C-alpha atoms as a PDB file:
ATOM      1  CA  MET A   1      34.205  29.867 -34.944  1.00  0.00           C
ATOM      2  CA  LYS A   2      32.576  28.866 -31.674  1.00  0.00           C
ATOM      3  CA  PRO A   3      34.612  28.078 -28.562  1.00  0.00           C
ATOM      4  CA  LEU A   4      35.410  24.358 -28.331  1.00  0.00           C
ATOM      5  CA  ASN A   5      33.053  23.716 -25.400  1.00  0.00           C
ATOM      6  CA  TYR A   6      30.194  25.392 -27.288  1.00  0.00           C
ATOM      7  CA  ALA A   7      30.888  23.267 -30.373  1.00  0.00           C
ATOM      8  CA  MET A   8      30.889  20.145 -28.197  1.00  0.00           C
ATOM      9  CA  LEU A   9      27.518  21.008 -26.666  1.00  0.00           C
ATOM     10  CA  LYS A  10      25.996  21.843 -30.061  1.00  0.00           C
ATOM     11  CA  TYR A  11      27.213  18.493 -31.393  1.00  0.00           C
ATOM     12  CA  PHE A  12      25.137  16.700 -28.764  1.00  0.00           C
ATOM     13  CA  THR A  13      21.999  18.491 -30.003  1.00  0.00           C
ATOM     14  CA  LYS A  14      22.519  17.002 -33.473  1.00  0.00           C
ATOM     15  CA  VAL A  15      23.115  13.325 -32.644  1.00  0.00           C
ATOM     16  CA  GLU A  16      21.157  10.652 -30.792  1.00  0.00           C
ATOM     17  CA  ASP A  17      24.074   9.994 -28.419  1.00  0.00           C
ATOM     18  CA  ALA A  18      27.860  10.066 -28.512  1.00  0.00           C
ATOM     19  CA  CYS A  19      30.980   9.258 -26.530  1.00  0.00           C
ATOM     20  CA  VAL A  20      34.017  11.516 -26.232  1.00  0.00           C
ATOM     21  CA  ASP A  21      35.707   9.706 -29.130  1.00  0.00           C
ATOM     22  CA  ASP A  22      32.719  10.439 -31.394  1.00  0.00           C
ATOM     23  CA  VAL A  23      32.845  14.113 -30.448  1.00  0.00           C
ATOM     24  CA  MET A  24      36.567  14.268 -31.109  1.00  0.00           C
ATOM     25  CA  ASP A  25      36.179  12.593 -34.510  1.00  0.00           C
ATOM     26  CA  ALA A  26      33.440  15.040 -35.492  1.00  0.00           C
ATOM     27  CA  LEU A  27      35.310  18.167 -34.375  1.00  0.00           C
ATOM     28  CA  LYS A  28      38.892  17.192 -35.231  1.00  0.00           C
ATOM     29  CA  SER A  29      39.132  18.995 -38.569  1.00  0.00           C
ATOM     30  CA  GLU A  30      38.076  22.336 -37.087  1.00  0.00           C
ATOM     31  CA  TYR A  31      39.352  22.113 -33.502  1.00  0.00           C
ATOM     32  CA  GLY A  32      42.151  19.536 -33.605  1.00  0.00           C
ATOM     33  CA  HIS A  33      44.822  22.213 -33.180  1.00  0.00           C
ATOM     34  CA  PHE A  34      43.292  23.613 -29.957  1.00  0.00           C
ATOM     35  CA  LYS A  35      45.296  23.080 -26.785  1.00  0.00           C
ATOM     36  CA  ALA A  36      42.205  21.711 -24.990  1.00  0.00           C
ATOM     37  CA  PHE A  37      41.521  19.196 -27.781  1.00  0.00           C
ATOM     38  CA  LYS A  38      42.733  16.280 -25.706  1.00  0.00           C
ATOM     39  CA  ARG A  39      40.642  13.363 -24.533  1.00  0.00           C
ATOM     40  CA  PRO A  40      40.922  14.086 -20.764  1.00  0.00           C
ATOM     41  CA  SER A  41      39.999  17.763 -21.209  1.00  0.00           C
ATOM     42  CA  MET A  42      37.086  17.004 -23.480  1.00  0.00           C
ATOM     43  CA  LEU A  43      35.807  14.222 -21.247  1.00  0.00           C
ATOM     44  CA  SER A  44      35.955  16.617 -18.311  1.00  0.00           C
ATOM     45  CA  ALA A  45      33.894  19.174 -20.251  1.00  0.00           C
ATOM     46  CA  ILE A  46      31.290  16.535 -21.136  1.00  0.00           C
ATOM     47  CA  MET A  47      31.073  15.375 -17.524  1.00  0.00           C
ATOM     48  CA  THR A  48      30.689  18.998 -16.389  1.00  0.00           C
ATOM     49  CA  ALA A  49      27.809  19.449 -18.839  1.00  0.00           C
ATOM     50  CA  GLU A  50      26.225  16.314 -17.391  1.00  0.00           C
ATOM     51  CA  ALA A  51      26.677  17.582 -13.823  1.00  0.00           C
ATOM     52  CA  ASN A  52      25.026  20.854 -14.873  1.00  0.00           C
ATOM     53  CA  GLY A  53      22.006  19.007 -16.280  1.00  0.00           C
ATOM     54  CA  LEU A  54      22.607  19.639 -19.991  1.00  0.00           C
ATOM     55  CA  LEU A  55      23.546  16.053 -20.879  1.00  0.00           C
ATOM     56  CA  GLU A  56      22.692  12.625 -19.512  1.00  0.00           C
ATOM     57  CA  GLU A  57      24.353   9.228 -19.750  1.00  0.00           C
ATOM     58  CA  THR A  58      22.638   6.827 -22.144  1.00  0.00           C
ATOM     59  CA  ARG A  59      24.776   3.689 -22.249  1.00  0.00           C
ATOM     60  CA  PHE A  60      28.154   2.117 -21.617  1.00  0.00           C
ATOM     61  CA  GLU A  61      30.296  -0.004 -23.900  1.00  0.00           C
ATOM     62  CA  MET A  62      33.724  -1.609 -23.690  1.00  0.00           C
ATOM     63  CA  GLY A  63      35.958  -0.359 -26.487  1.00  0.00           C
ATOM     64  CA  SER A  64      38.361  -2.517 -28.469  1.00  0.00           C
ATOM     65  CA  ASP A  65      41.183  -1.032 -26.379  1.00  0.00           C
ATOM     66  CA  ASN A  66      39.484  -2.338 -23.189  1.00  0.00           C
ATOM     67  CA  GLU A  67      38.530   1.188 -22.201  1.00  0.00           C
ATOM     68  CA  LEU A  68      35.010   1.950 -21.006  1.00  0.00           C
ATOM     69  CA  LYS A  69      33.112   4.259 -23.355  1.00  0.00           C
ATOM     70  CA  VAL A  70      30.328   6.272 -21.796  1.00  0.00           C
ATOM     71  CA  TYR A  71      27.708   7.665 -24.156  1.00  0.00           C
ATOM     72  CA  TYR A  72      25.769  10.857 -23.464  1.00  0.00           C
ATOM     73  CA  ARG A  73      22.870  12.685 -25.039  1.00  0.00           C
ATOM     74  CA  ALA A  74      21.273  16.084 -24.791  1.00  0.00           C
ATOM     75  CA  HIS A  75      17.786  15.384 -23.423  1.00  0.00           C
ATOM     76  CA  GLU A  76      14.911  17.607 -24.565  1.00  0.00           C
ATOM     77  CA  GLU A  77      15.341  20.266 -21.886  1.00  0.00           C
ATOM     78  CA  GLY A  78      19.143  20.218 -22.149  1.00  0.00           C
ATOM     79  CA  ALA A  79      19.026  20.564 -25.942  1.00  0.00           C
ATOM     80  CA  ALA A  80      16.559  23.453 -25.638  1.00  0.00           C
ATOM     81  CA  THR A  81      18.861  25.232 -23.185  1.00  0.00           C
ATOM     82  CA  ILE A  82      21.942  24.641 -25.356  1.00  0.00           C
ATOM     83  CA  ASN A  83      20.152  25.872 -28.483  1.00  0.00           C
ATOM     84  CA  TYR A  84      18.767  28.919 -26.664  1.00  0.00           C
ATOM     85  CA  TYR A  85      22.190  30.118 -25.523  1.00  0.00           C
ATOM     86  CA  ILE A  86      24.400  28.842 -28.368  1.00  0.00           C
ATOM     87  CA  LYS A  87      23.177  29.821 -31.813  1.00  0.00           C
ATOM     88  CA  ASP A  88      24.304  28.143 -35.048  1.00  0.00           C
END
C-alpha cells in the first residue's frame, strides 16, 4: 500500500480533474482509517502539490453545502513527474 499522499497524487494522474471530495470518495475504502484522512489534511496536501508545481487549478464550483469546491488536475509535466517517482 502506498502512503496516502502518494495515492492522492497518483489519483490525479488518472482523472481529468478532481476536488478534495472526489479524491476522498475514491480513496475512502483503502485509506479511510488513516489519521490524515480528513478533509483539511487532504486539502492541505493537494494545495502543497499545487504549490510545488505538480497540480494546477482547473475550475471552481459552489457545492450544495455552500462550500467552494476547487478542482485540480495533474498537467502533462506534473503527471510525468508523479509517474516517474511513484510507480503503480
